Amino acid sequence: MAEPPQTDVSRPSALPTAKLLQRPTFNQALVDQNSDEYLDSIEEEWNKKLDAEVEVLVDGMVDIVSLASIGDKDKFRIAQESFQAESRAESMVRAANSLLSITHSLKLLLLLSDEAQIAHRRDAELKHVQQEKNEARQKVAELLDGLMNSKGRSSQ
């Protein structure tokens, strides 16, 4: 009987343990957040992404400008600086593409956002402002009545 050929491929002798009917665990901190805190954390994540990409663009531009110095250079130094400038330019192009992608995503989020919730918030804010306006009118009317009553008494 010939033996099977020897290889370096691992051959498991048993099936790997499966995780059937197990639900993924959620981060309890995310579950405990209210809506405003969740939206604030999402906004902070977007801001960090934007800051990182803009920083890559700025650092790349600074490096390219520093590489563009004029002076006595040998061919090796010129080739080395050329390669560095090309790699910085490529990283800047990637950062710019990432910024375009982020812009596209934000536009989609705005277009596909929950308009009913936005309208509800706007209506609630309008109602609150109208209530404050009515309270201010009442206060002004009371103060004016008090002023008119005190002048009426003093003139009699």
N, C-alpha and C. Protein backbone atom coordinates (compact mmCIF):
# COMPACT_ATOMS: atom_id res chain seq x y z
N MET A 1 0.81 -1.17 0.00
CA MET A 1 0.00 0.00 0.00
C MET A 1 0.86 1.24 0.00
N ALA A 2 0.56 2.14 -0.90
CA ALA A 2 1.33 3.38 -0.99
C ALA A 2 0.81 4.38 0.02
N GLU A 3 1.71 5.08 0.63
CA GLU A 3 1.32 6.12 1.59
C GLU A 3 0.89 7.37 0.84
N PRO A 4 -0.03 8.13 1.43
CA PRO A 4 -0.40 9.39 0.78
C PRO A 4 0.79 10.35 0.78
N PRO A 5 0.89 11.18 -0.23
CA PRO A 5 2.03 12.09 -0.30
C PRO A 5 2.06 13.05 0.89
N GLN A 6 3.24 13.35 1.34
CA GLN A 6 3.42 14.26 2.47
C GLN A 6 3.31 15.71 1.97
N THR A 7 2.49 16.49 2.65
CA THR A 7 2.36 17.92 2.33
C THR A 7 2.41 18.70 3.64
N ASP A 8 2.56 20.00 3.50
CA ASP A 8 2.57 20.84 4.69
C ASP A 8 1.20 21.48 4.93
N VAL A 9 0.18 20.97 4.28
CA VAL A 9 -1.17 21.46 4.50
C VAL A 9 -1.73 20.82 5.75
N SER A 10 -2.31 21.65 6.62
CA SER A 10 -2.87 21.08 7.84
C SER A 10 -4.16 20.35 7.52
N ARG A 11 -4.33 19.20 8.13
CA ARG A 11 -5.53 18.41 7.93
C ARG A 11 -6.19 18.23 9.28
N PRO A 12 -7.22 18.99 9.54
CA PRO A 12 -7.86 18.85 10.85
C PRO A 12 -8.51 17.48 10.97
N SER A 13 -8.36 16.91 12.13
CA SER A 13 -8.92 15.58 12.34
C SER A 13 -10.36 15.64 12.80
N ALA A 14 -10.81 16.81 13.25
CA ALA A 14 -12.18 16.97 13.70
C ALA A 14 -12.69 18.32 13.20
N LEU A 15 -13.99 18.41 13.17
CA LEU A 15 -14.57 19.69 12.75
C LEU A 15 -14.30 20.75 13.81
N PRO A 16 -14.07 21.97 13.38
CA PRO A 16 -13.87 23.02 14.37
C PRO A 16 -15.17 23.27 15.13
N THR A 17 -15.01 23.76 16.33
CA THR A 17 -16.21 24.01 17.14
C THR A 17 -17.00 25.14 16.50
N ALA A 18 -18.28 24.96 16.40
CA ALA A 18 -19.15 25.96 15.79
C ALA A 18 -19.85 26.76 16.87
N LYS A 19 -20.24 27.94 16.50
CA LYS A 19 -20.97 28.80 17.43
C LYS A 19 -22.39 28.96 16.90
N LEU A 20 -23.12 27.89 16.95
CA LEU A 20 -24.48 27.91 16.44
C LEU A 20 -25.42 28.53 17.46
N LEU A 21 -26.36 29.28 16.96
CA LEU A 21 -27.41 29.90 17.75
C LEU A 21 -26.88 30.79 18.87
N GLN A 22 -25.72 31.36 18.65
CA GLN A 22 -25.20 32.32 19.63
C GLN A 22 -25.28 33.69 19.01
N ARG A 23 -25.87 34.58 19.72
CA ARG A 23 -26.02 35.95 19.23
C ARG A 23 -24.75 36.74 19.54
N PRO A 24 -24.41 37.65 18.64
CA PRO A 24 -23.23 38.47 18.93
C PRO A 24 -23.52 39.37 20.13
N THR A 25 -22.48 39.57 20.92
CA THR A 25 -22.65 40.42 22.09
C THR A 25 -22.51 41.87 21.67
N PHE A 26 -23.38 42.72 22.20
CA PHE A 26 -23.34 44.14 21.90
C PHE A 26 -22.61 44.87 23.00
N ASN A 27 -21.98 45.92 22.61
CA ASN A 27 -21.31 46.75 23.60
C ASN A 27 -22.39 47.43 24.44
N GLN A 28 -22.36 47.18 25.74
CA GLN A 28 -23.40 47.71 26.63
C GLN A 28 -23.40 49.23 26.65
N ALA A 29 -22.25 49.84 26.44
CA ALA A 29 -22.18 51.31 26.45
C ALA A 29 -23.01 51.88 25.30
N LEU A 30 -22.98 51.22 24.14
CA LEU A 30 -23.78 51.69 23.01
C LEU A 30 -25.27 51.52 23.27
N VAL A 31 -25.63 50.46 23.96
CA VAL A 31 -27.03 50.21 24.25
C VAL A 31 -27.57 51.23 25.25
N ASP A 32 -26.73 51.62 26.21
CA ASP A 32 -27.15 52.55 27.25
C ASP A 32 -27.22 54.00 26.78
N GLN A 33 -26.66 54.31 25.62
CA GLN A 33 -26.66 55.69 25.14
C GLN A 33 -28.06 56.10 24.70
N ASN A 34 -28.38 57.37 24.95
CA ASN A 34 -29.63 57.86 24.39
C ASN A 34 -29.35 58.36 22.97
N SER A 35 -30.38 58.83 22.31
CA SER A 35 -30.28 59.19 20.90
C SER A 35 -29.28 60.32 20.68
N ASP A 36 -29.32 61.36 21.51
CA ASP A 36 -28.43 62.50 21.33
C ASP A 36 -26.97 62.10 21.53
N GLU A 37 -26.70 61.27 22.54
CA GLU A 37 -25.33 60.82 22.79
C GLU A 37 -24.83 59.97 21.62
N TYR A 38 -25.69 59.13 21.09
CA TYR A 38 -25.32 58.29 19.97
C TYR A 38 -24.99 59.15 18.74
N LEU A 39 -25.84 60.13 18.46
CA LEU A 39 -25.59 61.00 17.31
C LEU A 39 -24.33 61.84 17.51
N ASP A 40 -24.08 62.26 18.75
CA ASP A 40 -22.86 63.01 19.03
C ASP A 40 -21.62 62.14 18.80
N SER A 41 -21.69 60.87 19.20
CA SER A 41 -20.54 59.99 18.99
C SER A 41 -20.32 59.73 17.50
N ILE A 42 -21.40 59.59 16.74
CA ILE A 42 -21.27 59.40 15.29
C ILE A 42 -20.65 60.64 14.66
N GLU A 43 -21.11 61.82 15.09
CA GLU A 43 -20.55 63.07 14.56
C GLU A 43 -19.06 63.17 14.89
N GLU A 44 -18.69 62.78 16.10
CA GLU A 44 -17.29 62.83 16.51
C GLU A 44 -16.45 61.89 15.65
N GLU A 45 -16.98 60.71 15.31
CA GLU A 45 -16.26 59.78 14.44
C GLU A 45 -16.03 60.38 13.06
N TRP A 46 -17.06 61.01 12.50
CA TRP A 46 -16.92 61.65 11.19
C TRP A 46 -15.89 62.77 11.26
N ASN A 47 -15.92 63.56 12.33
CA ASN A 47 -14.95 64.65 12.47
C ASN A 47 -13.53 64.11 12.56
N LYS A 48 -13.34 63.00 13.27
CA LYS A 48 -11.99 62.41 13.37
C LYS A 48 -11.51 61.93 12.01
N LYS A 49 -12.40 61.32 11.22
CA LYS A 49 -12.03 60.87 9.88
C LYS A 49 -11.61 62.05 9.02
N LEU A 50 -12.41 63.11 9.07
CA LEU A 50 -12.09 64.31 8.28
C LEU A 50 -10.76 64.92 8.72
N ASP A 51 -10.56 65.04 10.02
CA ASP A 51 -9.31 65.61 10.52
C ASP A 51 -8.10 64.80 10.09
N ALA A 52 -8.23 63.48 10.14
CA ALA A 52 -7.11 62.61 9.75
C ALA A 52 -6.76 62.79 8.27
N GLU A 53 -7.77 62.85 7.41
CA GLU A 53 -7.52 62.98 5.98
C GLU A 53 -6.95 64.36 5.65
N VAL A 54 -7.47 65.39 6.28
CA VAL A 54 -6.94 66.74 6.04
C VAL A 54 -5.50 66.84 6.55
N GLU A 55 -5.21 66.19 7.66
CA GLU A 55 -3.85 66.19 8.19
C GLU A 55 -2.89 65.50 7.22
N VAL A 56 -3.33 64.41 6.58
CA VAL A 56 -2.50 63.73 5.58
C VAL A 56 -2.22 64.67 4.41
N LEU A 57 -3.23 65.42 3.98
CA LEU A 57 -3.04 66.36 2.88
C LEU A 57 -2.04 67.45 3.26
N VAL A 58 -2.20 68.01 4.45
CA VAL A 58 -1.32 69.10 4.89
C VAL A 58 0.12 68.60 5.05
N ASP A 59 0.28 67.46 5.72
CA ASP A 59 1.63 66.90 5.92
C ASP A 59 2.29 66.57 4.58
N GLY A 60 1.52 66.03 3.65
CA GLY A 60 2.07 65.71 2.34
C GLY A 60 2.53 66.95 1.60
N MET A 61 1.72 68.02 1.69
CA MET A 61 2.10 69.25 1.01
C MET A 61 3.36 69.85 1.64
N VAL A 62 3.44 69.82 2.96
CA VAL A 62 4.63 70.33 3.65
C VAL A 62 5.86 69.53 3.25
N ASP A 63 5.73 68.21 3.19
CA ASP A 63 6.87 67.37 2.81
C ASP A 63 7.30 67.61 1.37
N ILE A 64 6.34 67.77 0.48
CA ILE A 64 6.68 68.02 -0.93
C ILE A 64 7.39 69.36 -1.08
N VAL A 65 6.92 70.37 -0.36
CA VAL A 65 7.57 71.68 -0.44
C VAL A 65 8.98 71.60 0.14
N SER A 66 9.15 70.85 1.23
CA SER A 66 10.50 70.73 1.81
C SER A 66 11.44 69.94 0.90
N LEU A 67 10.90 69.02 0.12
CA LEU A 67 11.73 68.25 -0.81
C LEU A 67 12.12 69.07 -2.04
N ALA A 68 11.44 70.14 -2.31
CA ALA A 68 11.67 70.92 -3.52
C ALA A 68 12.79 71.94 -3.36
N SER A 69 13.63 71.76 -2.38
CA SER A 69 14.72 72.71 -2.18
C SER A 69 15.72 72.62 -3.33
N ILE A 70 16.31 73.75 -3.63
CA ILE A 70 17.28 73.83 -4.71
C ILE A 70 18.67 73.84 -4.09
N GLY A 71 19.54 73.10 -4.65
CA GLY A 71 20.91 73.05 -4.13
C GLY A 71 21.72 72.03 -4.88
N ASP A 72 22.96 71.87 -4.46
CA ASP A 72 23.82 70.88 -5.10
C ASP A 72 23.41 69.49 -4.63
N LYS A 73 22.92 68.69 -5.58
CA LYS A 73 22.47 67.34 -5.25
C LYS A 73 23.05 66.37 -6.27
N ASP A 74 23.40 65.22 -5.78
CA ASP A 74 23.86 64.19 -6.71
C ASP A 74 22.66 63.42 -7.26
N LYS A 75 22.90 62.57 -8.21
CA LYS A 75 21.81 61.85 -8.88
C LYS A 75 21.04 60.96 -7.92
N PHE A 76 21.74 60.34 -6.98
CA PHE A 76 21.07 59.47 -6.00
C PHE A 76 20.10 60.27 -5.14
N ARG A 77 20.54 61.42 -4.67
CA ARG A 77 19.69 62.28 -3.83
C ARG A 77 18.47 62.78 -4.61
N ILE A 78 18.68 63.12 -5.88
CA ILE A 78 17.58 63.59 -6.72
C ILE A 78 16.56 62.47 -6.92
N ALA A 79 17.03 61.24 -7.19
CA ALA A 79 16.13 60.11 -7.38
C ALA A 79 15.38 59.78 -6.09
N GLN A 80 16.10 59.87 -4.97
CA GLN A 80 15.47 59.60 -3.68
C GLN A 80 14.36 60.61 -3.38
N GLU A 81 14.63 61.89 -3.59
CA GLU A 81 13.63 62.92 -3.34
C GLU A 81 12.46 62.81 -4.31
N SER A 82 12.75 62.40 -5.54
CA SER A 82 11.69 62.20 -6.53
C SER A 82 10.74 61.09 -6.08
N PHE A 83 11.31 59.99 -5.58
CA PHE A 83 10.49 58.89 -5.08
C PHE A 83 9.66 59.32 -3.87
N GLN A 84 10.28 60.07 -2.96
CA GLN A 84 9.55 60.56 -1.78
C GLN A 84 8.41 61.48 -2.20
N ALA A 85 8.66 62.36 -3.16
CA ALA A 85 7.61 63.26 -3.63
C ALA A 85 6.46 62.49 -4.27
N GLU A 86 6.81 61.47 -5.06
CA GLU A 86 5.76 60.65 -5.70
C GLU A 86 4.94 59.90 -4.66
N SER A 87 5.59 59.34 -3.65
CA SER A 87 4.83 58.60 -2.62
C SER A 87 3.95 59.54 -1.81
N ARG A 88 4.45 60.73 -1.52
CA ARG A 88 3.62 61.72 -0.80
C ARG A 88 2.43 62.14 -1.65
N ALA A 89 2.68 62.34 -2.94
CA ALA A 89 1.59 62.73 -3.84
C ALA A 89 0.53 61.63 -3.91
N GLU A 90 0.97 60.38 -3.95
CA GLU A 90 0.01 59.27 -3.98
C GLU A 90 -0.81 59.19 -2.70
N SER A 91 -0.16 59.43 -1.55
CA SER A 91 -0.92 59.41 -0.29
C SER A 91 -1.89 60.58 -0.23
N MET A 92 -1.50 61.71 -0.83
CA MET A 92 -2.41 62.86 -0.86
C MET A 92 -3.61 62.57 -1.77
N VAL A 93 -3.37 61.88 -2.88
CA VAL A 93 -4.48 61.52 -3.78
C VAL A 93 -5.43 60.57 -3.06
N ARG A 94 -4.87 59.60 -2.31
CA ARG A 94 -5.73 58.68 -1.55
C ARG A 94 -6.55 59.44 -0.51
N ALA A 95 -5.93 60.40 0.17
CA ALA A 95 -6.65 61.19 1.17
C ALA A 95 -7.74 62.03 0.52
N ALA A 96 -7.44 62.60 -0.65
CA ALA A 96 -8.45 63.39 -1.35
C ALA A 96 -9.62 62.51 -1.80
N ASN A 97 -9.31 61.30 -2.28
CA ASN A 97 -10.38 60.37 -2.66
C ASN A 97 -11.21 59.96 -1.44
N SER A 98 -10.55 59.78 -0.33
CA SER A 98 -11.26 59.44 0.91
C SER A 98 -12.18 60.59 1.32
N LEU A 99 -11.70 61.82 1.18
CA LEU A 99 -12.55 62.98 1.49
C LEU A 99 -13.75 63.06 0.55
N LEU A 100 -13.53 62.73 -0.71
CA LEU A 100 -14.66 62.70 -1.65
C LEU A 100 -15.67 61.62 -1.24
N SER A 101 -15.17 60.49 -0.80
CA SER A 101 -16.05 59.41 -0.35
C SER A 101 -16.83 59.82 0.88
N ILE A 102 -16.16 60.48 1.81
CA ILE A 102 -16.84 60.96 3.01
C ILE A 102 -17.91 61.98 2.64
N THR A 103 -17.59 62.87 1.72
CA THR A 103 -18.57 63.87 1.26
C THR A 103 -19.78 63.19 0.64
N HIS A 104 -19.53 62.19 -0.18
CA HIS A 104 -20.63 61.45 -0.82
C HIS A 104 -21.50 60.77 0.25
N SER A 105 -20.85 60.15 1.23
CA SER A 105 -21.60 59.47 2.30
C SER A 105 -22.45 60.45 3.09
N LEU A 106 -21.88 61.62 3.39
CA LEU A 106 -22.65 62.62 4.14
C LEU A 106 -23.83 63.15 3.33
N LYS A 107 -23.63 63.31 2.03
CA LYS A 107 -24.76 63.73 1.18
C LYS A 107 -25.87 62.69 1.19
N LEU A 108 -25.48 61.42 1.09
CA LEU A 108 -26.49 60.35 1.13
C LEU A 108 -27.21 60.32 2.47
N LEU A 109 -26.47 60.50 3.55
CA LEU A 109 -27.10 60.53 4.87
C LEU A 109 -28.11 61.66 4.97
N LEU A 110 -27.77 62.80 4.40
CA LEU A 110 -28.69 63.93 4.43
C LEU A 110 -29.93 63.65 3.58
N LEU A 111 -29.71 63.08 2.39
CA LEU A 111 -30.84 62.81 1.50
C LEU A 111 -31.76 61.72 2.03
N LEU A 112 -31.17 60.72 2.70
CA LEU A 112 -31.95 59.58 3.16
C LEU A 112 -32.33 59.68 4.63
N SER A 113 -32.12 60.84 5.21
CA SER A 113 -32.41 60.98 6.64
C SER A 113 -33.91 60.92 6.89
N ASP A 114 -34.25 60.77 8.11
CA ASP A 114 -35.64 60.63 8.53
C ASP A 114 -36.29 62.00 8.54
N GLU A 115 -37.03 62.32 7.46
CA GLU A 115 -37.65 63.63 7.34
C GLU A 115 -38.75 63.83 8.37
N ALA A 116 -39.43 62.78 8.75
CA ALA A 116 -40.49 62.91 9.74
C ALA A 116 -39.93 63.36 11.08
N GLN A 117 -38.79 62.82 11.45
CA GLN A 117 -38.17 63.21 12.72
C GLN A 117 -37.71 64.67 12.65
N ILE A 118 -37.15 65.07 11.54
CA ILE A 118 -36.71 66.45 11.39
C ILE A 118 -37.91 67.39 11.48
N ALA A 119 -39.00 67.05 10.81
CA ALA A 119 -40.20 67.88 10.86
C ALA A 119 -40.77 67.92 12.27
N HIS A 120 -40.75 66.79 12.97
CA HIS A 120 -41.25 66.74 14.34
C HIS A 120 -40.41 67.65 15.25
N ARG A 121 -39.10 67.60 15.12
CA ARG A 121 -38.24 68.46 15.94
C ARG A 121 -38.49 69.93 15.62
N ARG A 122 -38.65 70.24 14.34
CA ARG A 122 -38.91 71.62 13.94
C ARG A 122 -40.23 72.10 14.54
N ASP A 123 -41.27 71.26 14.47
CA ASP A 123 -42.57 71.63 15.03
C ASP A 123 -42.50 71.80 16.54
N ALA A 124 -41.76 70.94 17.21
CA ALA A 124 -41.62 71.04 18.67
C ALA A 124 -40.90 72.33 19.04
N GLU A 125 -39.86 72.67 18.30
CA GLU A 125 -39.13 73.92 18.56
C GLU A 125 -40.02 75.13 18.30
N LEU A 126 -40.81 75.08 17.24
CA LEU A 126 -41.72 76.18 16.93
C LEU A 126 -42.76 76.35 18.03
N LYS A 127 -43.30 75.24 18.51
CA LYS A 127 -44.28 75.28 19.60
C LYS A 127 -43.66 75.88 20.86
N HIS A 128 -42.42 75.48 21.16
CA HIS A 128 -41.73 75.99 22.34
C HIS A 128 -41.50 77.51 22.22
N VAL A 129 -41.09 77.96 21.05
CA VAL A 129 -40.85 79.39 20.84
C VAL A 129 -42.16 80.17 20.94
N GLN A 130 -43.24 79.64 20.39
CA GLN A 130 -44.53 80.32 20.48
C GLN A 130 -45.00 80.41 21.93
N GLN A 131 -44.76 79.35 22.70
CA GLN A 131 -45.14 79.37 24.12
C GLN A 131 -44.33 80.44 24.86
N GLU A 132 -43.05 80.52 24.59
CA GLU A 132 -42.22 81.56 25.22
C GLU A 132 -42.71 82.95 24.82
N LYS A 133 -43.10 83.10 23.55
CA LYS A 133 -43.59 84.39 23.07
C LYS A 133 -44.87 84.77 23.80
N ASN A 134 -45.78 83.83 23.97
CA ASN A 134 -47.04 84.12 24.67
C ASN A 134 -46.79 84.47 26.13
N GLU A 135 -45.87 83.75 26.77
CA GLU A 135 -45.54 84.06 28.16
C GLU A 135 -44.94 85.45 28.28
N ALA A 136 -44.09 85.83 27.34
CA ALA A 136 -43.50 87.17 27.36
C ALA A 136 -44.57 88.23 27.15
N ARG A 137 -45.51 87.97 26.24
CA ARG A 137 -46.60 88.93 26.02
C ARG A 137 -47.43 89.11 27.28
N GLN A 138 -47.74 87.99 27.97
CA GLN A 138 -48.51 88.08 29.21
C GLN A 138 -47.78 88.90 30.25
N LYS A 139 -46.51 88.66 30.38
CA LYS A 139 -45.71 89.39 31.36
C LYS A 139 -45.68 90.88 31.04
N VAL A 140 -45.50 91.21 29.76
CA VAL A 140 -45.50 92.61 29.35
C VAL A 140 -46.86 93.24 29.61
N ALA A 141 -47.94 92.50 29.31
CA ALA A 141 -49.29 93.04 29.55
C ALA A 141 -49.51 93.27 31.04
N GLU A 142 -49.07 92.35 31.90
CA GLU A 142 -49.22 92.53 33.34
C GLU A 142 -48.43 93.74 33.82
N LEU A 143 -47.19 93.88 33.34
CA LEU A 143 -46.38 95.04 33.73
C LEU A 143 -47.00 96.34 33.24
N LEU A 144 -47.54 96.34 32.04
CA LEU A 144 -48.18 97.53 31.49
C LEU A 144 -49.44 97.88 32.28
N ASP A 145 -50.23 96.85 32.62
CA ASP A 145 -51.43 97.10 33.45
C ASP A 145 -51.03 97.67 34.81
N GLY A 146 -49.99 97.11 35.40
CA GLY A 146 -49.52 97.62 36.68
C GLY A 146 -49.05 99.05 36.58
N LEU A 147 -48.38 99.37 35.50
CA LEU A 147 -47.92 100.74 35.29
C LEU A 147 -49.10 101.68 35.07
N MET A 148 -50.06 101.27 34.27
CA MET A 148 -51.23 102.10 34.00
C MET A 148 -52.07 102.30 35.27
N ASN A 149 -52.22 101.26 36.07
CA ASN A 149 -52.98 101.38 37.31
C ASN A 149 -52.29 102.32 38.30
N SER A 150 -50.99 102.25 38.39
CA SER A 150 -50.28 103.12 39.34
C SER A 150 -50.33 104.57 38.86
N LYS A 151 -50.29 104.84 37.58
CA LYS A 151 -50.40 106.22 37.05
C LYS A 151 -51.81 106.75 37.23
N GLY A 152 -52.79 105.86 37.07
CA GLY A 152 -54.19 106.27 37.23
C GLY A 152 -54.48 106.66 38.67
N ARG A 153 -53.91 105.97 39.61
CA ARG A 153 -54.11 106.27 41.02
C ARG A 153 -53.42 107.57 41.41
N SER A 154 -52.24 107.79 40.87
CA SER A 154 -51.51 109.00 41.24
C SER A 154 -52.14 110.25 40.62
N SER A 155 -52.78 110.14 39.47
CA SER A 155 -53.40 111.31 38.86
C SER A 155 -54.76 111.64 39.47
N GLN A 156 -55.37 110.72 40.20
CA GLN A 156 -56.66 110.99 40.81
C GLN A 156 -56.51 111.71 42.06
